[in-house]
Amino acid sequence: MQSTKIKKRLKVKDTVYRKILDDFGLRDKLIEITGLRESGVLAFAYRKSERAVRDFEVMQAIKEHTGWTDKEIFEEEK
């Protein structure tokens, strides 16, 4: 019988969404990357949209702008 390793799903921390809402420079980068208007970027941060934030380019922009590592961005889902 084979055993499988089940990984817990990682969830984006609330501090990431708060940073997007508060930091105009980061928001400006995300506007360029996503092609959304400022209201669109604010909306996905306010709604805590994991799908939008998990985009590779968006995640790279957040890491470059903040200097955060994966451990500071993600938490294990409970």
PDB file of N, CA and C in Angstrom:
ATOM      1  N   MET A   1       0.841  -1.175   0.000  1.00  0.00           N
ATOM      2  CA  MET A   1       0.000   0.000   0.000  1.00  0.00           C
ATOM      3  C   MET A   1       0.888   1.241   0.000  1.00  0.00           C
ATOM      4  N   GLN A   2       0.616   2.153  -0.899  1.00  0.00           N
ATOM      5  CA  GLN A   2       1.421   3.364  -0.981  1.00  0.00           C
ATOM      6  C   GLN A   2       0.869   4.436  -0.054  1.00  0.00           C
ATOM      7  N   SER A   3       1.775   5.202   0.485  1.00  0.00           N
ATOM      8  CA  SER A   3       1.323   6.325   1.310  1.00  0.00           C
ATOM      9  C   SER A   3       1.589   7.621   0.553  1.00  0.00           C
ATOM     10  N   THR A   4       0.707   8.543   0.728  1.00  0.00           N
ATOM     11  CA  THR A   4       0.875   9.837   0.068  1.00  0.00           C
ATOM     12  C   THR A   4       1.111  10.902   1.117  1.00  0.00           C
ATOM     13  N   LYS A   5       1.867  11.864   0.713  1.00  0.00           N
ATOM     14  CA  LYS A   5       2.156  12.962   1.617  1.00  0.00           C
ATOM     15  C   LYS A   5       1.155  14.079   1.323  1.00  0.00           C
ATOM     16  N   ILE A   6       0.337  14.384   2.284  1.00  0.00           N
ATOM     17  CA  ILE A   6      -0.674  15.419   2.107  1.00  0.00           C
ATOM     18  C   ILE A   6      -0.120  16.727   2.649  1.00  0.00           C
ATOM     19  N   LYS A   7      -0.103  17.730   1.791  1.00  0.00           N
ATOM     20  CA  LYS A   7       0.388  19.038   2.210  1.00  0.00           C
ATOM     21  C   LYS A   7      -0.784  19.918   2.594  1.00  0.00           C
ATOM     22  N   LYS A   8      -0.576  20.716   3.623  1.00  0.00           N
ATOM     23  CA  LYS A   8      -1.605  21.680   3.987  1.00  0.00           C
ATOM     24  C   LYS A   8      -1.545  22.840   3.004  1.00  0.00           C
ATOM     25  N   ARG A   9      -2.692  23.361   2.680  1.00  0.00           N
ATOM     26  CA  ARG A   9      -2.779  24.476   1.746  1.00  0.00           C
ATOM     27  C   ARG A   9      -2.276  25.746   2.425  1.00  0.00           C
ATOM     28  N   LEU A  10      -1.498  26.528   1.685  1.00  0.00           N
ATOM     29  CA  LEU A  10      -0.995  27.786   2.211  1.00  0.00           C
ATOM     30  C   LEU A  10      -1.973  28.900   1.890  1.00  0.00           C
ATOM     31  N   LYS A  11      -2.189  29.755   2.858  1.00  0.00           N
ATOM     32  CA  LYS A  11      -3.116  30.874   2.721  1.00  0.00           C
ATOM     33  C   LYS A  11      -2.312  32.168   2.803  1.00  0.00           C
ATOM     34  N   VAL A  12      -2.683  33.151   1.997  1.00  0.00           N
ATOM     35  CA  VAL A  12      -2.014  34.450   2.032  1.00  0.00           C
ATOM     36  C   VAL A  12      -2.427  35.161   3.317  1.00  0.00           C
ATOM     37  N   LYS A  13      -1.447  35.710   4.040  1.00  0.00           N
ATOM     38  CA  LYS A  13      -1.727  36.383   5.305  1.00  0.00           C
ATOM     39  C   LYS A  13      -2.467  37.701   5.076  1.00  0.00           C
ATOM     40  N   ASP A  14      -3.228  38.098   6.080  1.00  0.00           N
ATOM     41  CA  ASP A  14      -3.971  39.360   6.012  1.00  0.00           C
ATOM     42  C   ASP A  14      -3.049  40.566   5.901  1.00  0.00           C
ATOM     43  N   THR A  15      -1.823  40.458   6.415  1.00  0.00           N
ATOM     44  CA  THR A  15      -0.894  41.590   6.350  1.00  0.00           C
ATOM     45  C   THR A  15      -0.533  41.945   4.909  1.00  0.00           C
ATOM     46  N   VAL A  16      -0.565  40.964   4.013  1.00  0.00           N
ATOM     47  CA  VAL A  16      -0.266  41.217   2.598  1.00  0.00           C
ATOM     48  C   VAL A  16      -1.350  42.098   1.995  1.00  0.00           C
ATOM     49  N   TYR A  17      -2.606  41.760   2.276  1.00  0.00           N
ATOM     50  CA  TYR A  17      -3.711  42.561   1.753  1.00  0.00           C
ATOM     51  C   TYR A  17      -3.690  43.972   2.349  1.00  0.00           C
ATOM     52  N   ARG A  18      -3.371  44.059   3.640  1.00  0.00           N
ATOM     53  CA  ARG A  18      -3.303  45.362   4.302  1.00  0.00           C
ATOM     54  C   ARG A  18      -2.190  46.205   3.682  1.00  0.00           C
ATOM     55  N   LYS A  19      -1.073  45.578   3.356  1.00  0.00           N
ATOM     56  CA  LYS A  19       0.048  46.287   2.730  1.00  0.00           C
ATOM     57  C   LYS A  19      -0.363  46.838   1.365  1.00  0.00           C
ATOM     58  N   ILE A  20      -1.110  46.060   0.590  1.00  0.00           N
ATOM     59  CA  ILE A  20      -1.577  46.524  -0.719  1.00  0.00           C
ATOM     60  C   ILE A  20      -2.493  47.731  -0.549  1.00  0.00           C
ATOM     61  N   LEU A  21      -3.365  47.676   0.450  1.00  0.00           N
ATOM     62  CA  LEU A  21      -4.294  48.784   0.674  1.00  0.00           C
ATOM     63  C   LEU A  21      -3.581  50.046   1.151  1.00  0.00           C
ATOM     64  N   ASP A  22      -2.527  49.897   1.946  1.00  0.00           N
ATOM     65  CA  ASP A  22      -1.863  51.045   2.565  1.00  0.00           C
ATOM     66  C   ASP A  22      -0.705  51.617   1.758  1.00  0.00           C
ATOM     67  N   ASP A  23      -0.029  50.810   0.961  1.00  0.00           N
ATOM     68  CA  ASP A  23       1.204  51.223   0.289  1.00  0.00           C
ATOM     69  C   ASP A  23       0.928  51.627  -1.166  1.00  0.00           C
ATOM     70  N   PHE A  24       0.982  52.925  -1.432  1.00  0.00           N
ATOM     71  CA  PHE A  24       0.677  53.429  -2.771  1.00  0.00           C
ATOM     72  C   PHE A  24       1.695  52.949  -3.803  1.00  0.00           C
ATOM     73  N   GLY A  25       2.965  52.888  -3.441  1.00  0.00           N
ATOM     74  CA  GLY A  25       4.006  52.441  -4.369  1.00  0.00           C
ATOM     75  C   GLY A  25       3.787  51.005  -4.824  1.00  0.00           C
ATOM     76  N   LEU A  26       3.451  50.145  -3.886  1.00  0.00           N
ATOM     77  CA  LEU A  26       3.166  48.746  -4.217  1.00  0.00           C
ATOM     78  C   LEU A  26       1.922  48.654  -5.090  1.00  0.00           C
ATOM     79  N   ARG A  27       0.918  49.408  -4.721  1.00  0.00           N
ATOM     80  CA  ARG A  27      -0.318  49.413  -5.505  1.00  0.00           C
ATOM     81  C   ARG A  27      -0.055  49.870  -6.936  1.00  0.00           C
ATOM     82  N   ASP A  28       0.814  50.855  -7.097  1.00  0.00           N
ATOM     83  CA  ASP A  28       1.167  51.364  -8.424  1.00  0.00           C
ATOM     84  C   ASP A  28       1.838  50.272  -9.266  1.00  0.00           C
ATOM     85  N   LYS A  29       2.743  49.491  -8.644  1.00  0.00           N
ATOM     86  CA  LYS A  29       3.387  48.377  -9.353  1.00  0.00           C
ATOM     87  C   LYS A  29       2.362  47.337  -9.784  1.00  0.00           C
ATOM     88  N   LEU A  30       1.425  47.032  -8.888  1.00  0.00           N
ATOM     89  CA  LEU A  30       0.413  46.026  -9.193  1.00  0.00           C
ATOM     90  C   LEU A  30      -0.527  46.499 -10.301  1.00  0.00           C
ATOM     91  N   ILE A  31      -0.782  47.794 -10.359  1.00  0.00           N
ATOM     92  CA  ILE A  31      -1.601  48.357 -11.438  1.00  0.00           C
ATOM     93  C   ILE A  31      -0.912  48.126 -12.774  1.00  0.00           C
ATOM     94  N   GLU A  32       0.395  48.369 -12.829  1.00  0.00           N
ATOM     95  CA  GLU A  32       1.163  48.149 -14.062  1.00  0.00           C
ATOM     96  C   GLU A  32       1.161  46.678 -14.474  1.00  0.00           C
ATOM     97  N   ILE A  33       1.367  45.797 -13.518  1.00  0.00           N
ATOM     98  CA  ILE A  33       1.473  44.369 -13.808  1.00  0.00           C
ATOM     99  C   ILE A  33       0.137  43.778 -14.254  1.00  0.00           C
ATOM    100  N   THR A  34      -0.921  44.088 -13.521  1.00  0.00           N
ATOM    101  CA  THR A  34      -2.214  43.459 -13.796  1.00  0.00           C
ATOM    102  C   THR A  34      -2.991  44.141 -14.913  1.00  0.00           C
ATOM    103  N   GLY A  35      -2.712  45.416 -15.149  1.00  0.00           N
ATOM    104  CA  GLY A  35      -3.475  46.154 -16.152  1.00  0.00           C
ATOM    105  C   GLY A  35      -4.824  46.617 -15.632  1.00  0.00           C
ATOM    106  N   LEU A  36      -5.049  46.449 -14.339  1.00  0.00           N
ATOM    107  CA  LEU A  36      -6.297  46.899 -13.726  1.00  0.00           C
ATOM    108  C   LEU A  36      -6.190  48.365 -13.326  1.00  0.00           C
ATOM    109  N   ARG A  37      -7.319  48.984 -13.136  1.00  0.00           N
ATOM    110  CA  ARG A  37      -7.329  50.337 -12.580  1.00  0.00           C
ATOM    111  C   ARG A  37      -7.046  50.244 -11.090  1.00  0.00           C
ATOM    112  N   GLU A  38      -6.793  51.396 -10.475  1.00  0.00           N
ATOM    113  CA  GLU A  38      -6.519  51.401  -9.041  1.00  0.00           C
ATOM    114  C   GLU A  38      -7.695  50.816  -8.265  1.00  0.00           C
ATOM    115  N   SER A  39      -8.904  51.112  -8.695  1.00  0.00           N
ATOM    116  CA  SER A  39     -10.089  50.588  -8.001  1.00  0.00           C
ATOM    117  C   SER A  39     -10.137  49.056  -8.066  1.00  0.00           C
ATOM    118  N   GLY A  40      -9.652  48.481  -9.164  1.00  0.00           N
ATOM    119  CA  GLY A  40      -9.617  47.025  -9.289  1.00  0.00           C
ATOM    120  C   GLY A  40      -8.623  46.388  -8.340  1.00  0.00           C
ATOM    121  N   VAL A  41      -7.451  47.005  -8.224  1.00  0.00           N
ATOM    122  CA  VAL A  41      -6.428  46.490  -7.304  1.00  0.00           C
ATOM    123  C   VAL A  41      -6.912  46.638  -5.862  1.00  0.00           C
ATOM    124  N   LEU A  42      -7.509  47.783  -5.547  1.00  0.00           N
ATOM    125  CA  LEU A  42      -8.052  47.979  -4.202  1.00  0.00           C
ATOM    126  C   LEU A  42      -9.152  46.963  -3.903  1.00  0.00           C
ATOM    127  N   ALA A  43      -9.966  46.667  -4.904  1.00  0.00           N
ATOM    128  CA  ALA A  43     -11.068  45.717  -4.714  1.00  0.00           C
ATOM    129  C   ALA A  43     -10.550  44.319  -4.402  1.00  0.00           C
ATOM    130  N   PHE A  44      -9.529  43.841  -5.152  1.00  0.00           N
ATOM    131  CA  PHE A  44      -9.058  42.480  -4.858  1.00  0.00           C
ATOM    132  C   PHE A  44      -8.328  42.419  -3.528  1.00  0.00           C
ATOM    133  N   ALA A  45      -7.727  43.516  -3.099  1.00  0.00           N
ATOM    134  CA  ALA A  45      -7.095  43.526  -1.778  1.00  0.00           C
ATOM    135  C   ALA A  45      -8.159  43.584  -0.681  1.00  0.00           C
ATOM    136  N   TYR A  46      -9.183  44.384  -0.895  1.00  0.00           N
ATOM    137  CA  TYR A  46     -10.252  44.518   0.093  1.00  0.00           C
ATOM    138  C   TYR A  46     -11.027  43.206   0.240  1.00  0.00           C
ATOM    139  N   ARG A  47     -11.268  42.517  -0.879  1.00  0.00           N
ATOM    140  CA  ARG A  47     -11.999  41.247  -0.860  1.00  0.00           C
ATOM    141  C   ARG A  47     -11.117  40.078  -0.446  1.00  0.00           C
ATOM    142  N   LYS A  48      -9.823  40.330  -0.335  1.00  0.00           N
ATOM    143  CA  LYS A  48      -8.837  39.297   0.008  1.00  0.00           C
ATOM    144  C   LYS A  48      -8.871  38.161  -1.007  1.00  0.00           C
ATOM    145  N   SER A  49      -8.739  38.536  -2.274  1.00  0.00           N
ATOM    146  CA  SER A  49      -8.793  37.589  -3.379  1.00  0.00           C
ATOM    147  C   SER A  49      -7.463  36.852  -3.514  1.00  0.00           C
ATOM    148  N   GLU A  50      -7.459  35.593  -3.106  1.00  0.00           N
ATOM    149  CA  GLU A  50      -6.239  34.782  -3.194  1.00  0.00           C
ATOM    150  C   GLU A  50      -5.844  34.549  -4.640  1.00  0.00           C
ATOM    151  N   ARG A  51      -6.823  34.407  -5.499  1.00  0.00           N
ATOM    152  CA  ARG A  51      -6.540  34.128  -6.909  1.00  0.00           C
ATOM    153  C   ARG A  51      -5.720  35.258  -7.530  1.00  0.00           C
ATOM    154  N   ALA A  52      -6.064  36.492  -7.232  1.00  0.00           N
ATOM    155  CA  ALA A  52      -5.351  37.631  -7.802  1.00  0.00           C
ATOM    156  C   ALA A  52      -3.945  37.750  -7.221  1.00  0.00           C
ATOM    157  N   VAL A  53      -3.812  37.536  -5.926  1.00  0.00           N
ATOM    158  CA  VAL A  53      -2.513  37.704  -5.265  1.00  0.00           C
ATOM    159  C   VAL A  53      -1.569  36.552  -5.576  1.00  0.00           C
ATOM    160  N   ARG A  54      -2.089  35.360  -5.815  1.00  0.00           N
ATOM    161  CA  ARG A  54      -1.237  34.201  -6.092  1.00  0.00           C
ATOM    162  C   ARG A  54      -0.647  34.200  -7.499  1.00  0.00           C
ATOM    163  N   ASP A  55      -1.056  35.135  -8.339  1.00  0.00           N
ATOM    164  CA  ASP A  55      -0.458  35.262  -9.664  1.00  0.00           C
ATOM    165  C   ASP A  55       1.052  35.446  -9.491  1.00  0.00           C
ATOM    166  N   PHE A  56       1.843  34.759 -10.311  1.00  0.00           N
ATOM    167  CA  PHE A  56       3.298  34.754 -10.137  1.00  0.00           C
ATOM    168  C   PHE A  56       3.894  36.157 -10.192  1.00  0.00           C
ATOM    169  N   GLU A  57       3.498  36.944 -11.180  1.00  0.00           N
ATOM    170  CA  GLU A  57       4.068  38.287 -11.330  1.00  0.00           C
ATOM    171  C   GLU A  57       3.668  39.197 -10.174  1.00  0.00           C
ATOM    172  N   VAL A  58       2.443  39.067  -9.709  1.00  0.00           N
ATOM    173  CA  VAL A  58       1.980  39.863  -8.567  1.00  0.00           C
ATOM    174  C   VAL A  58       2.780  39.484  -7.328  1.00  0.00           C
ATOM    175  N   MET A  59       2.965  38.190  -7.115  1.00  0.00           N
ATOM    176  CA  MET A  59       3.716  37.726  -5.946  1.00  0.00           C
ATOM    177  C   MET A  59       5.166  38.200  -5.997  1.00  0.00           C
ATOM    178  N   GLN A  60       5.784  38.155  -7.176  1.00  0.00           N
ATOM    179  CA  GLN A  60       7.159  38.632  -7.321  1.00  0.00           C
ATOM    180  C   GLN A  60       7.247  40.123  -7.016  1.00  0.00           C
ATOM    181  N   ALA A  61       6.281  40.902  -7.471  1.00  0.00           N
ATOM    182  CA  ALA A  61       6.276  42.344  -7.208  1.00  0.00           C
ATOM    183  C   ALA A  61       6.150  42.623  -5.714  1.00  0.00           C
ATOM    184  N   ILE A  62       5.316  41.856  -5.030  1.00  0.00           N
ATOM    185  CA  ILE A  62       5.152  42.028  -3.583  1.00  0.00           C
ATOM    186  C   ILE A  62       6.456  41.688  -2.869  1.00  0.00           C
ATOM    187  N   LYS A  63       7.095  40.585  -3.274  1.00  0.00           N
ATOM    188  CA  LYS A  63       8.360  40.178  -2.646  1.00  0.00           C
ATOM    189  C   LYS A  63       9.456  41.214  -2.873  1.00  0.00           C
ATOM    190  N   GLU A  64       9.569  41.726  -4.097  1.00  0.00           N
ATOM    191  CA  GLU A  64      10.603  42.717  -4.409  1.00  0.00           C
ATOM    192  C   GLU A  64      10.363  44.023  -3.664  1.00  0.00           C
ATOM    193  N   HIS A  65       9.119  44.457  -3.600  1.00  0.00           N
ATOM    194  CA  HIS A  65       8.804  45.745  -2.981  1.00  0.00           C
ATOM    195  C   HIS A  65       8.961  45.703  -1.460  1.00  0.00           C
ATOM    196  N   THR A  66       8.510  44.607  -0.845  1.00  0.00           N
ATOM    197  CA  THR A  66       8.516  44.531   0.614  1.00  0.00           C
ATOM    198  C   THR A  66       9.755  43.852   1.180  1.00  0.00           C
ATOM    199  N   GLY A  67      10.390  42.980   0.389  1.00  0.00           N
ATOM    200  CA  GLY A  67      11.517  42.211   0.903  1.00  0.00           C
ATOM    201  C   GLY A  67      11.072  41.020   1.741  1.00  0.00           C
ATOM    202  N   TRP A  68       9.794  40.700   1.716  1.00  0.00           N
ATOM    203  CA  TRP A  68       9.257  39.580   2.485  1.00  0.00           C
ATOM    204  C   TRP A  68       9.605  38.250   1.837  1.00  0.00           C
ATOM    205  N   THR A  69       9.708  37.221   2.676  1.00  0.00           N
ATOM    206  CA  THR A  69       9.926  35.857   2.194  1.00  0.00           C
ATOM    207  C   THR A  69       8.581  35.130   2.149  1.00  0.00           C
ATOM    208  N   ASP A  70       8.601  33.902   1.643  1.00  0.00           N
ATOM    209  CA  ASP A  70       7.365  33.113   1.588  1.00  0.00           C
ATOM    210  C   ASP A  70       6.765  32.901   2.973  1.00  0.00           C
ATOM    211  N   LYS A  71       7.611  32.723   3.985  1.00  0.00           N
ATOM    212  CA  LYS A  71       7.108  32.501   5.345  1.00  0.00           C
ATOM    213  C   LYS A  71       6.388  33.730   5.885  1.00  0.00           C
ATOM    214  N   GLU A  72       6.793  34.910   5.429  1.00  0.00           N
ATOM    215  CA  GLU A  72       6.140  36.138   5.879  1.00  0.00           C
ATOM    216  C   GLU A  72       4.865  36.429   5.084  1.00  0.00           C
ATOM    217  N   ILE A  73       4.720  35.811   3.936  1.00  0.00           N
ATOM    218  CA  ILE A  73       3.557  36.049   3.081  1.00  0.00           C
ATOM    219  C   ILE A  73       2.468  35.001   3.304  1.00  0.00           C
ATOM    220  N   PHE A  74       2.863  33.749   3.506  1.00  0.00           N
ATOM    221  CA  PHE A  74       1.891  32.656   3.609  1.00  0.00           C
ATOM    222  C   PHE A  74       1.814  32.101   5.017  1.00  0.00           C
ATOM    223  N   GLU A  75       0.639  31.555   5.348  1.00  0.00           N
ATOM    224  CA  GLU A  75       0.437  30.806   6.582  1.00  0.00           C
ATOM    225  C   GLU A  75      -0.313  29.532   6.225  1.00  0.00           C
ATOM    226  N   GLU A  76      -0.158  28.505   7.037  1.00  0.00           N
ATOM    227  CA  GLU A  76      -0.865  27.251   6.771  1.00  0.00           C
ATOM    228  C   GLU A  76      -2.332  27.426   7.102  1.00  0.00           C
ATOM    229  N   GLU A  77      -3.168  26.923   6.209  1.00  0.00           N
ATOM    230  CA  GLU A  77      -4.610  27.012   6.429  1.00  0.00           C
ATOM    231  C   GLU A  77      -5.004  26.058   7.538  1.00  0.00           C
ATOM    232  N   LYS A  78      -5.882  26.500   8.402  1.00  0.00           N
ATOM    233  CA  LYS A  78      -6.282  25.685   9.560  1.00  0.00           C
ATOM    234  C   LYS A  78      -7.462  24.820   9.254  1.00  0.00           C
TER     235      LYS A  78
END
